[in-house]
Amino acid sequence: MESGLYSISLDRTGFPLLQRQNWHFAIALLPVSKYQFERFMVANGPQGGLYSDTWYREQLKLSPRCSWRRCQERPWELFLTGLEPEAIQPFLRYLGREYRLPTVAEWQALLAVAGEVMAMSSELSDACRQAPAPVRCWIEQGLFPLTREGLLERVMEGGKPRFIGRPWPGLLPNTWDAGTVREVRWELCRRAVGFRVVKEKVNVF
């Protein structure tokens, strides 16, 4: 999709990246989902202590998986949470050398245009015809971009990890402002902490 201010491309897993005019990056329309990450694990297999069946069962104790078709019941269970940085980096390398975690400013840029993006559901559906079925379903159900409410997300600021976002209250009761950068107590909040990806060095259109 290249229409007006926005362009959509798909990453290696078939999930959409959104770019706005004059952004030098494209950012994932959604946090990384379990559906998406499971396909990475199948393609790559276990790596050391990571990505084995035992490892993944432990991850799912934090947040059980749910059917992607029943996305409105407990939507937080669609998305991967609680990963340590060492488990995220191989996934980023799998996507490609230009992929990384968002900076605070990049994530906030998506938050700032969330209303515009939500109003483009029909255009996004058209642009994602080649995406996996869960992507199309979640867009049709209005489950994007999940910056105003969704998960607490891992971002980077000055080379250091930070956290931003407003989790669904059913996942973590809170009255947080979505755009505020915060520190968290990892063991208390990790089940609510997901991440999305950015592709940098994208041509400006």
C-alpha atoms as a PDB file:
ATOM      1  CA  MET A   1       0.000   0.000   0.000  1.00  0.00           C
ATOM      2  CA  GLU A   2       1.280   3.446  -0.927  1.00  0.00           C
ATOM      3  CA  SER A   3      -1.521   5.901  -0.490  1.00  0.00           C
ATOM      4  CA  GLY A   4      -1.263   9.476   0.720  1.00  0.00           C
ATOM      5  CA  LEU A   5       0.803   9.723   3.859  1.00  0.00           C
ATOM      6  CA  TYR A   6       1.250   6.011   4.553  1.00  0.00           C
ATOM      7  CA  SER A   7       2.900   2.951   3.108  1.00  0.00           C
ATOM      8  CA  ILE A   8       2.593  -0.698   4.214  1.00  0.00           C
ATOM      9  CA  SER A   9       5.173  -3.430   3.688  1.00  0.00           C
ATOM     10  CA  LEU A  10       5.397  -6.958   5.105  1.00  0.00           C
ATOM     11  CA  ASP A  11       8.288  -8.376   7.087  1.00  0.00           C
ATOM     12  CA  ARG A  12       9.738 -11.868   6.643  1.00  0.00           C
ATOM     13  CA  THR A  13       6.922 -13.380   8.737  1.00  0.00           C
ATOM     14  CA  GLY A  14       4.266 -11.620   6.649  1.00  0.00           C
ATOM     15  CA  PHE A  15       3.331  -9.131   9.366  1.00  0.00           C
ATOM     16  CA  PRO A  16       2.805  -5.477   8.412  1.00  0.00           C
ATOM     17  CA  LEU A  17       5.137  -2.530   8.890  1.00  0.00           C
ATOM     18  CA  LEU A  18       3.772   0.991   8.657  1.00  0.00           C
ATOM     19  CA  GLN A  19       5.707   3.954   7.309  1.00  0.00           C
ATOM     20  CA  ARG A  20       4.505   7.544   7.279  1.00  0.00           C
ATOM     21  CA  GLN A  21       5.720  10.174   4.866  1.00  0.00           C
ATOM     22  CA  ASN A  22       9.067  11.610   6.044  1.00  0.00           C
ATOM     23  CA  TRP A  23       9.656   8.822   8.563  1.00  0.00           C
ATOM     24  CA  HIS A  24      13.079   7.240   8.039  1.00  0.00           C
ATOM     25  CA  PHE A  25      11.811   3.993   9.527  1.00  0.00           C
ATOM     26  CA  ALA A  26       8.898   1.594   9.269  1.00  0.00           C
ATOM     27  CA  ILE A  27       7.343   0.337  12.504  1.00  0.00           C
ATOM     28  CA  ALA A  28       5.314  -2.800  13.100  1.00  0.00           C
ATOM     29  CA  LEU A  29       1.575  -2.226  13.062  1.00  0.00           C
ATOM     30  CA  LEU A  30       1.285  -4.736  15.925  1.00  0.00           C
ATOM     31  CA  PRO A  31       3.402  -5.974  18.801  1.00  0.00           C
ATOM     32  CA  VAL A  32       5.041  -9.313  18.056  1.00  0.00           C
ATOM     33  CA  SER A  33       2.430 -12.045  18.351  1.00  0.00           C
ATOM     34  CA  LYS A  34       2.762 -15.623  19.519  1.00  0.00           C
ATOM     35  CA  TYR A  35       1.579 -16.776  16.083  1.00  0.00           C
ATOM     36  CA  GLN A  36       4.402 -14.810  14.479  1.00  0.00           C
ATOM     37  CA  PHE A  37       7.106 -15.896  16.922  1.00  0.00           C
ATOM     38  CA  GLU A  38       6.114 -19.563  16.722  1.00  0.00           C
ATOM     39  CA  ARG A  39       6.836 -19.524  13.005  1.00  0.00           C
ATOM     40  CA  PHE A  40      10.275 -18.123  13.707  1.00  0.00           C
ATOM     41  CA  MET A  41      10.913 -20.899  16.246  1.00  0.00           C
ATOM     42  CA  VAL A  42       9.841 -23.602  13.782  1.00  0.00           C
ATOM     43  CA  ALA A  43      12.107 -22.139  11.080  1.00  0.00           C
ATOM     44  CA  ASN A  44      15.144 -21.843  13.357  1.00  0.00           C
ATOM     45  CA  GLY A  45      14.782 -24.595  15.914  1.00  0.00           C
ATOM     46  CA  PRO A  46      16.226 -24.490  19.452  1.00  0.00           C
ATOM     47  CA  GLN A  47      19.319 -22.356  20.025  1.00  0.00           C
ATOM     48  CA  GLY A  48      21.149 -23.283  23.195  1.00  0.00           C
ATOM     49  CA  GLY A  49      18.605 -22.983  25.976  1.00  0.00           C
ATOM     50  CA  LEU A  50      16.222 -20.913  23.835  1.00  0.00           C
ATOM     51  CA  TYR A  51      13.194 -21.836  21.714  1.00  0.00           C
ATOM     52  CA  SER A  52      12.812 -25.459  22.788  1.00  0.00           C
ATOM     53  CA  ASP A  53       9.393 -26.884  23.688  1.00  0.00           C
ATOM     54  CA  THR A  54      10.357 -26.700  27.361  1.00  0.00           C
ATOM     55  CA  TRP A  55      11.483 -23.080  27.035  1.00  0.00           C
ATOM     56  CA  TYR A  56       8.271 -22.074  25.287  1.00  0.00           C
ATOM     57  CA  ARG A  57       6.052 -23.824  27.813  1.00  0.00           C
ATOM     58  CA  GLU A  58       7.718 -21.740  30.505  1.00  0.00           C
ATOM     59  CA  GLN A  59       7.006 -18.579  28.507  1.00  0.00           C
ATOM     60  CA  LEU A  60       3.365 -19.549  28.152  1.00  0.00           C
ATOM     61  CA  LYS A  61       3.013 -19.838  31.920  1.00  0.00           C
ATOM     62  CA  LEU A  62       3.294 -16.028  31.966  1.00  0.00           C
ATOM     63  CA  SER A  63       0.638 -15.543  29.308  1.00  0.00           C
ATOM     64  CA  PRO A  64      -1.223 -18.532  27.820  1.00  0.00           C
ATOM     65  CA  ARG A  65      -1.838 -18.573  24.098  1.00  0.00           C
ATOM     66  CA  CYS A  66      -5.343 -18.219  22.686  1.00  0.00           C
ATOM     67  CA  SER A  67      -6.979 -18.748  19.332  1.00  0.00           C
ATOM     68  CA  TRP A  68      -6.235 -15.889  16.958  1.00  0.00           C
ATOM     69  CA  ARG A  69      -9.865 -16.071  15.816  1.00  0.00           C
ATOM     70  CA  ARG A  70     -11.150 -15.239  19.314  1.00  0.00           C
ATOM     71  CA  CYS A  71      -9.174 -12.041  19.433  1.00  0.00           C
ATOM     72  CA  GLN A  72     -11.620  -9.915  21.415  1.00  0.00           C
ATOM     73  CA  GLU A  73     -11.926 -12.167  24.468  1.00  0.00           C
ATOM     74  CA  ARG A  74      -8.452 -11.835  26.009  1.00  0.00           C
ATOM     75  CA  PRO A  75      -6.490  -9.989  23.333  1.00  0.00           C
ATOM     76  CA  TRP A  76      -3.309  -9.778  25.405  1.00  0.00           C
ATOM     77  CA  GLU A  77      -2.935 -13.551  25.066  1.00  0.00           C
ATOM     78  CA  LEU A  78      -2.361 -13.114  21.322  1.00  0.00           C
ATOM     79  CA  PHE A  79       0.951 -11.350  21.891  1.00  0.00           C
ATOM     80  CA  LEU A  80       4.292 -12.523  23.187  1.00  0.00           C
ATOM     81  CA  THR A  81       5.327 -11.099  26.546  1.00  0.00           C
ATOM     82  CA  GLY A  82       8.020 -11.579  29.127  1.00  0.00           C
ATOM     83  CA  LEU A  83      10.996 -12.148  26.815  1.00  0.00           C
ATOM     84  CA  GLU A  84      14.474 -11.274  27.984  1.00  0.00           C
ATOM     85  CA  PRO A  85      16.707  -9.328  25.548  1.00  0.00           C
ATOM     86  CA  GLU A  86      18.774 -12.413  24.692  1.00  0.00           C
ATOM     87  CA  ALA A  87      15.622 -14.122  23.407  1.00  0.00           C
ATOM     88  CA  ILE A  88      14.611 -11.109  21.301  1.00  0.00           C
ATOM     89  CA  GLN A  89      17.881 -10.524  19.435  1.00  0.00           C
ATOM     90  CA  PRO A  90      17.869 -13.748  17.361  1.00  0.00           C
ATOM     91  CA  PHE A  91      14.348 -12.924  16.209  1.00  0.00           C
ATOM     92  CA  LEU A  92      15.479  -9.474  15.076  1.00  0.00           C
ATOM     93  CA  ARG A  93      18.413 -11.018  13.203  1.00  0.00           C
ATOM     94  CA  TYR A  94      16.017 -13.470  11.563  1.00  0.00           C
ATOM     95  CA  LEU A  95      13.947 -10.564  10.222  1.00  0.00           C
ATOM     96  CA  GLY A  96      17.017  -8.847   8.762  1.00  0.00           C
ATOM     97  CA  ARG A  97      19.949  -6.603   9.559  1.00  0.00           C
ATOM     98  CA  GLU A  98      17.840  -3.423   9.474  1.00  0.00           C
ATOM     99  CA  TYR A  99      15.508  -4.625  12.230  1.00  0.00           C
ATOM    100  CA  ARG A 100      15.713  -3.547  15.853  1.00  0.00           C
ATOM    101  CA  LEU A 101      13.594  -2.397  18.761  1.00  0.00           C
ATOM    102  CA  PRO A 102      11.949   1.033  18.436  1.00  0.00           C
ATOM    103  CA  THR A 103      13.357   4.120  20.044  1.00  0.00           C
ATOM    104  CA  VAL A 104      11.096   6.057  22.385  1.00  0.00           C
ATOM    105  CA  ALA A 105      10.618   8.730  19.718  1.00  0.00           C
ATOM    106  CA  GLU A 106       9.649   6.196  17.046  1.00  0.00           C
ATOM    107  CA  TRP A 107       7.094   4.519  19.292  1.00  0.00           C
ATOM    108  CA  GLN A 108       5.666   7.882  20.308  1.00  0.00           C
ATOM    109  CA  ALA A 109       5.445   8.851  16.629  1.00  0.00           C
ATOM    110  CA  LEU A 110       3.165   5.866  16.046  1.00  0.00           C
ATOM    111  CA  LEU A 111       1.119   6.757  19.109  1.00  0.00           C
ATOM    112  CA  ALA A 112       0.693  10.312  17.797  1.00  0.00           C
ATOM    113  CA  VAL A 113      -0.920   9.058  14.571  1.00  0.00           C
ATOM    114  CA  ALA A 114      -2.897   6.173  16.092  1.00  0.00           C
ATOM    115  CA  GLY A 115      -6.206   7.869  15.324  1.00  0.00           C
ATOM    116  CA  GLU A 116      -5.288   8.359  11.669  1.00  0.00           C
ATOM    117  CA  VAL A 117      -4.134   4.755  11.400  1.00  0.00           C
ATOM    118  CA  MET A 118      -7.274   3.356  13.019  1.00  0.00           C
ATOM    119  CA  ALA A 119      -9.364   5.240  10.477  1.00  0.00           C
ATOM    120  CA  MET A 120      -7.610   3.396   7.629  1.00  0.00           C
ATOM    121  CA  SER A 121      -8.889  -0.114   8.383  1.00  0.00           C
ATOM    122  CA  SER A 122     -10.244  -0.745   4.880  1.00  0.00           C
ATOM    123  CA  GLU A 123      -7.017   0.432   3.228  1.00  0.00           C
ATOM    124  CA  LEU A 124      -4.969  -1.674   5.633  1.00  0.00           C
ATOM    125  CA  SER A 125      -7.111  -4.729   4.948  1.00  0.00           C
ATOM    126  CA  ASP A 126      -6.509  -4.291   1.225  1.00  0.00           C
ATOM    127  CA  ALA A 127      -2.770  -3.816   1.752  1.00  0.00           C
ATOM    128  CA  CYS A 128      -2.550  -6.950   3.908  1.00  0.00           C
ATOM    129  CA  ARG A 129      -4.269  -9.373   1.540  1.00  0.00           C
ATOM    130  CA  GLN A 130      -1.028 -11.387   1.345  1.00  0.00           C
ATOM    131  CA  ALA A 131      -0.492 -11.337   5.121  1.00  0.00           C
ATOM    132  CA  PRO A 132      -1.294 -14.344   7.337  1.00  0.00           C
ATOM    133  CA  ALA A 133      -4.940 -14.861   8.272  1.00  0.00           C
ATOM    134  CA  PRO A 134      -4.486 -13.610  11.880  1.00  0.00           C
ATOM    135  CA  VAL A 135      -3.295 -10.216  10.606  1.00  0.00           C
ATOM    136  CA  ARG A 136      -6.356  -9.806   8.408  1.00  0.00           C
ATOM    137  CA  CYS A 137      -8.669 -10.909  11.222  1.00  0.00           C
ATOM    138  CA  TRP A 138      -7.170  -8.530  13.777  1.00  0.00           C
ATOM    139  CA  ILE A 139      -7.330  -5.583  11.395  1.00  0.00           C
ATOM    140  CA  GLU A 140     -10.970  -6.348  10.617  1.00  0.00           C
ATOM    141  CA  GLN A 141     -11.655  -6.428  14.355  1.00  0.00           C
ATOM    142  CA  GLY A 142      -9.932  -3.063  14.896  1.00  0.00           C
ATOM    143  CA  LEU A 143      -7.147  -4.614  16.942  1.00  0.00           C
ATOM    144  CA  PHE A 144      -4.384  -2.196  15.870  1.00  0.00           C
ATOM    145  CA  PRO A 145      -2.050  -0.335  16.337  1.00  0.00           C
ATOM    146  CA  LEU A 146      -2.419  -1.007  20.079  1.00  0.00           C
ATOM    147  CA  THR A 147      -0.426   1.980  21.263  1.00  0.00           C
ATOM    148  CA  ARG A 148      -3.205   3.735  23.167  1.00  0.00           C
ATOM    149  CA  GLU A 149      -4.035   0.471  24.909  1.00  0.00           C
ATOM    150  CA  GLY A 150      -2.416  -2.906  24.479  1.00  0.00           C
ATOM    151  CA  LEU A 151       0.830  -3.921  26.153  1.00  0.00           C
ATOM    152  CA  LEU A 152       3.666  -2.340  28.031  1.00  0.00           C
ATOM    153  CA  GLU A 153       6.373  -2.376  25.338  1.00  0.00           C
ATOM    154  CA  ARG A 154      10.136  -2.530  25.397  1.00  0.00           C
ATOM    155  CA  VAL A 155      11.810   0.459  23.669  1.00  0.00           C
ATOM    156  CA  MET A 156      15.288   1.987  23.620  1.00  0.00           C
ATOM    157  CA  GLU A 157      16.467   5.403  24.780  1.00  0.00           C
ATOM    158  CA  GLY A 158      20.105   6.434  24.664  1.00  0.00           C
ATOM    159  CA  GLY A 159      21.110   2.818  24.149  1.00  0.00           C
ATOM    160  CA  LYS A 160      19.282   1.698  27.287  1.00  0.00           C
ATOM    161  CA  PRO A 161      16.046  -0.322  27.548  1.00  0.00           C
ATOM    162  CA  ARG A 162      12.957   1.517  28.696  1.00  0.00           C
ATOM    163  CA  PHE A 163       9.244   0.734  28.748  1.00  0.00           C
ATOM    164  CA  ILE A 164       6.249   2.549  27.320  1.00  0.00           C
ATOM    165  CA  GLY A 165       2.562   1.981  26.652  1.00  0.00           C
ATOM    166  CA  ARG A 166      -0.661   1.300  28.516  1.00  0.00           C
ATOM    167  CA  PRO A 167      -1.499  -2.373  29.093  1.00  0.00           C
ATOM    168  CA  TRP A 168      -5.064  -3.573  28.872  1.00  0.00           C
ATOM    169  CA  PRO A 169      -6.465  -3.344  32.434  1.00  0.00           C
ATOM    170  CA  GLY A 170      -7.395  -7.026  32.233  1.00  0.00           C
ATOM    171  CA  LEU A 171      -3.713  -7.790  31.843  1.00  0.00           C
ATOM    172  CA  LEU A 172      -2.304  -5.275  34.319  1.00  0.00           C
ATOM    173  CA  PRO A 173      -4.633  -2.873  36.175  1.00  0.00           C
ATOM    174  CA  ASN A 174      -3.355   0.671  35.640  1.00  0.00           C
ATOM    175  CA  THR A 175      -4.290   4.254  34.844  1.00  0.00           C
ATOM    176  CA  TRP A 176      -1.076   5.019  32.968  1.00  0.00           C
ATOM    177  CA  ASP A 177      -0.615   7.513  30.163  1.00  0.00           C
ATOM    178  CA  ALA A 178       0.368   5.481  27.102  1.00  0.00           C
ATOM    179  CA  GLY A 179       3.116   7.863  25.987  1.00  0.00           C
ATOM    180  CA  THR A 180       4.985   8.057  29.279  1.00  0.00           C
ATOM    181  CA  VAL A 181       8.356   6.342  29.465  1.00  0.00           C
ATOM    182  CA  ARG A 182       8.802   4.430  32.690  1.00  0.00           C
ATOM    183  CA  GLU A 183      10.951   2.016  34.631  1.00  0.00           C
ATOM    184  CA  VAL A 184       9.307  -1.200  35.767  1.00  0.00           C
ATOM    185  CA  ARG A 185       9.920  -3.945  38.266  1.00  0.00           C
ATOM    186  CA  TRP A 186      10.564  -6.733  35.792  1.00  0.00           C
ATOM    187  CA  GLU A 187       9.350  -9.665  37.855  1.00  0.00           C
ATOM    188  CA  LEU A 188       6.083  -7.895  38.662  1.00  0.00           C
ATOM    189  CA  CYS A 189       5.362  -6.579  35.177  1.00  0.00           C
ATOM    190  CA  ARG A 190       7.048  -8.964  32.744  1.00  0.00           C
ATOM    191  CA  ARG A 191       3.832 -10.783  31.842  1.00  0.00           C
ATOM    192  CA  ALA A 192       2.591  -7.461  30.428  1.00  0.00           C
ATOM    193  CA  VAL A 193       5.802  -6.506  28.567  1.00  0.00           C
ATOM    194  CA  GLY A 194       5.876  -7.161  24.835  1.00  0.00           C
ATOM    195  CA  PHE A 195       7.725  -5.541  21.961  1.00  0.00           C
ATOM    196  CA  ARG A 196       7.334  -4.490  18.363  1.00  0.00           C
ATOM    197  CA  VAL A 197       9.967  -4.068  15.704  1.00  0.00           C
ATOM    198  CA  VAL A 198      11.300  -1.260  13.549  1.00  0.00           C
ATOM    199  CA  LYS A 199      12.992  -1.478  10.166  1.00  0.00           C
ATOM    200  CA  GLU A 200      15.423   1.383   9.746  1.00  0.00           C
ATOM    201  CA  LYS A 201      17.017   3.011   6.686  1.00  0.00           C
ATOM    202  CA  VAL A 202      13.727   2.917   4.820  1.00  0.00           C
ATOM    203  CA  ASN A 203      13.472   5.205   1.814  1.00  0.00           C
ATOM    204  CA  VAL A 204      11.418   8.310   2.476  1.00  0.00           C
ATOM    205  CA  PHE A 205       8.564   8.717   0.046  1.00  0.00           C
END
